[in-house]
Amino acid sequence: MWYLKLILLLVFALVLYQDFKSRLVYWFLYPIIGILAFAIQLHNLPLSIALTNLGGNLIFVILILAVSMIYVRFRKLDFKNTIGIGDILFFLFITGTFSIVSFLVLFVFSLLFSLILHLVLSNKKEQSTVPLAGYMSLFFGVVYAISFFGNDTFLYAY
């Protein structure tokens, strides 16, 4: 299964590079992330548990996106200008990664990591957009890279 993790790390790196460089990521990279991450999860769990994790994580992400949309409409902003379609695709396809509790914790910390990293790296003169999918790819890539060197069963515990 190490080869799937290695390919996944390469795809995460490609998303980071493309999103950071031009804020445009090839759309087909997101399904590749989802398929590889779900295949790695299937290696560690039975199909029924993996599908339950996927469903729970998907509900969480849809809830986050719905609350974001309500907030944007309440503030009378344009939703298309607040979050990119690539970020939404990344959110949806990353749901197949880990168990529900691990995903919730890692997702929230990846958002915090993205915020802190953007505040540290951003210049006031540069673009006002955030390469959210790229920063989150870096975070999840580090999580998978660390799992190379240790026991990763805690990421899939149910």
Protein backbone atom coordinates (compact mmCIF):
# COMPACT_ATOMS: atom_id res chain seq x y z
CA MET A 1 0.00 0.00 0.00
CA TRP A 2 3.03 2.27 0.26
CA TYR A 3 2.95 2.90 -3.48
CA LEU A 4 -0.60 4.30 -3.29
CA LYS A 5 0.50 6.65 -0.51
CA LEU A 6 3.47 7.73 -2.58
CA ILE A 7 1.27 8.47 -5.60
CA LEU A 8 -1.16 10.32 -3.33
CA LEU A 9 1.70 12.41 -1.94
CA LEU A 10 2.75 13.30 -5.48
CA VAL A 11 -0.80 14.34 -6.39
CA PHE A 12 -1.04 16.45 -3.20
CA ALA A 13 2.27 18.10 -4.16
CA LEU A 14 0.96 18.81 -7.66
CA VAL A 15 -2.22 20.39 -6.26
CA LEU A 16 -0.12 22.51 -3.89
CA TYR A 17 2.16 23.66 -6.70
CA GLN A 18 -0.64 24.49 -9.14
CA ASP A 19 -2.85 26.20 -6.57
CA PHE A 20 -0.01 28.23 -5.11
CA LYS A 21 1.40 29.22 -8.49
CA SER A 22 -1.71 30.16 -10.45
CA ARG A 23 -4.80 29.39 -8.31
CA LEU A 24 -5.85 26.93 -11.02
CA VAL A 25 -5.70 23.18 -10.48
CA TYR A 26 -6.51 20.49 -13.01
CA TRP A 27 -9.97 19.24 -12.06
CA PHE A 28 -9.12 15.55 -12.55
CA LEU A 29 -6.58 15.64 -9.70
CA TYR A 30 -9.39 15.86 -7.13
CA PRO A 31 -11.05 12.54 -8.10
CA ILE A 32 -7.60 10.93 -8.16
CA ILE A 33 -7.07 12.10 -4.57
CA GLY A 34 -10.47 10.72 -3.58
CA ILE A 35 -9.94 7.35 -5.25
CA LEU A 36 -6.44 6.85 -3.87
CA ALA A 37 -7.40 7.93 -0.34
CA PHE A 38 -10.45 5.67 -0.35
CA ALA A 39 -8.38 2.74 -1.65
CA ILE A 40 -5.90 3.24 1.19
CA GLN A 41 -8.77 3.34 3.67
CA LEU A 42 -10.21 0.15 2.14
CA HIS A 43 -6.87 -1.55 2.70
CA ASN A 44 -7.26 -0.88 6.44
CA LEU A 45 -11.02 -1.32 6.91
CA PRO A 46 -13.92 -3.42 5.65
CA LEU A 47 -16.01 -1.89 2.88
CA SER A 48 -19.06 -1.27 5.09
CA ILE A 49 -17.04 0.72 7.64
CA ALA A 50 -15.22 2.66 4.91
CA LEU A 51 -18.54 3.60 3.29
CA THR A 52 -19.93 4.65 6.69
CA ASN A 53 -16.86 6.86 7.20
CA LEU A 54 -17.28 8.31 3.72
CA GLY A 55 -20.95 9.09 4.37
CA GLY A 56 -20.31 10.69 7.76
CA ASN A 57 -17.45 12.77 6.42
CA LEU A 58 -19.50 13.82 3.41
CA ILE A 59 -22.35 14.97 5.66
CA PHE A 60 -19.87 17.02 7.71
CA VAL A 61 -18.40 18.70 4.62
CA ILE A 62 -21.83 19.42 3.14
CA LEU A 63 -22.86 20.94 6.48
CA ILE A 64 -19.73 23.13 6.50
CA LEU A 65 -20.43 24.27 2.93
CA ALA A 66 -24.11 24.95 3.70
CA VAL A 67 -23.26 27.04 6.75
CA SER A 68 -20.68 28.91 4.68
CA MET A 69 -23.25 29.59 1.98
CA ILE A 70 -25.78 30.86 4.53
CA TYR A 71 -23.14 33.11 6.08
CA VAL A 72 -22.13 34.50 2.68
CA ARG A 73 -25.74 35.22 1.76
CA PHE A 74 -26.37 36.79 5.15
CA ARG A 75 -23.39 39.09 4.58
CA LYS A 76 -24.66 39.77 1.03
CA LEU A 77 -21.47 38.54 -0.59
CA ASP A 78 -21.07 36.56 -3.79
CA PHE A 79 -20.45 32.87 -2.99
CA LYS A 80 -18.45 32.42 -6.23
CA ASN A 81 -15.96 35.04 -5.07
CA THR A 82 -15.57 33.66 -1.55
CA ILE A 83 -14.67 30.04 -2.23
CA GLY A 84 -13.43 28.46 -5.41
CA ILE A 85 -14.87 25.43 -7.14
CA GLY A 86 -11.52 23.72 -6.69
CA ASP A 87 -11.75 24.17 -2.93
CA ILE A 88 -15.25 22.68 -2.92
CA LEU A 89 -14.08 19.74 -5.03
CA PHE A 90 -11.14 19.21 -2.70
CA PHE A 91 -13.48 19.23 0.32
CA LEU A 92 -15.77 16.67 -1.31
CA PHE A 93 -13.07 14.30 -2.54
CA ILE A 94 -11.02 14.38 0.65
CA THR A 95 -13.97 12.84 2.55
CA GLY A 96 -12.80 9.33 1.69
CA THR A 97 -9.58 9.64 3.65
CA PHE A 98 -10.02 8.64 7.30
CA SER A 99 -12.49 7.58 9.96
CA ILE A 100 -15.07 10.14 11.02
CA VAL A 101 -13.39 11.36 14.20
CA SER A 102 -9.92 11.50 12.62
CA PHE A 103 -11.32 13.33 9.61
CA LEU A 104 -13.14 15.91 11.73
CA VAL A 105 -10.02 16.67 13.73
CA LEU A 106 -7.70 16.72 10.71
CA PHE A 107 -10.10 18.79 8.60
CA VAL A 108 -10.47 21.47 11.26
CA PHE A 109 -6.73 21.57 11.89
CA SER A 110 -6.03 21.74 8.16
CA LEU A 111 -8.25 24.82 7.95
CA LEU A 112 -6.43 26.39 10.91
CA PHE A 113 -3.10 25.45 9.35
CA SER A 114 -4.20 27.08 6.08
CA LEU A 115 -5.22 30.27 7.85
CA ILE A 116 -1.96 30.55 9.78
CA LEU A 117 0.18 29.68 6.76
CA HIS A 118 -1.63 32.22 4.60
CA LEU A 119 -1.22 34.95 7.22
CA VAL A 120 2.49 34.19 7.47
CA LEU A 121 3.15 33.95 3.73
CA SER A 122 0.80 36.59 2.38
CA ASN A 123 1.83 40.02 1.26
CA LYS A 124 -0.70 42.82 1.26
CA LYS A 125 0.31 43.63 -2.32
CA GLU A 126 -0.28 40.13 -3.65
CA GLN A 127 -3.51 38.46 -4.68
CA SER A 128 -6.28 38.54 -2.13
CA THR A 129 -7.30 34.93 -2.80
CA VAL A 130 -6.18 32.01 -0.68
CA PRO A 131 -4.85 28.77 -2.21
CA LEU A 132 -6.95 26.79 0.26
CA ALA A 133 -6.87 23.46 -1.60
CA GLY A 134 -3.10 23.81 -1.92
CA TYR A 135 -2.54 24.52 1.76
CA MET A 136 -4.86 21.69 2.76
CA SER A 137 -3.04 19.40 0.33
CA LEU A 138 0.19 20.26 2.11
CA PHE A 139 -1.38 19.45 5.47
CA PHE A 140 -2.90 16.13 4.38
CA GLY A 141 0.29 15.27 2.52
CA VAL A 142 2.27 15.71 5.72
CA VAL A 143 -0.23 13.47 7.56
CA TYR A 144 0.21 10.74 4.95
CA ALA A 145 4.00 11.23 4.93
CA ILE A 146 4.11 10.78 8.71
CA SER A 147 2.02 7.62 8.34
CA PHE A 148 4.89 6.12 6.32
CA PHE A 149 7.06 6.06 9.45
CA GLY A 150 4.59 4.93 12.06
CA ASN A 151 1.54 2.88 12.76
CA ASP A 152 -1.35 4.56 10.96
CA THR A 153 -4.17 2.42 12.32
CA PHE A 154 -5.27 5.26 14.62
CA LEU A 155 -6.27 7.24 11.53
CA TYR A 156 -8.78 4.56 10.58
CA ALA A 157 -9.96 3.49 14.06
CA TYR A 158 -13.71 3.23 14.40
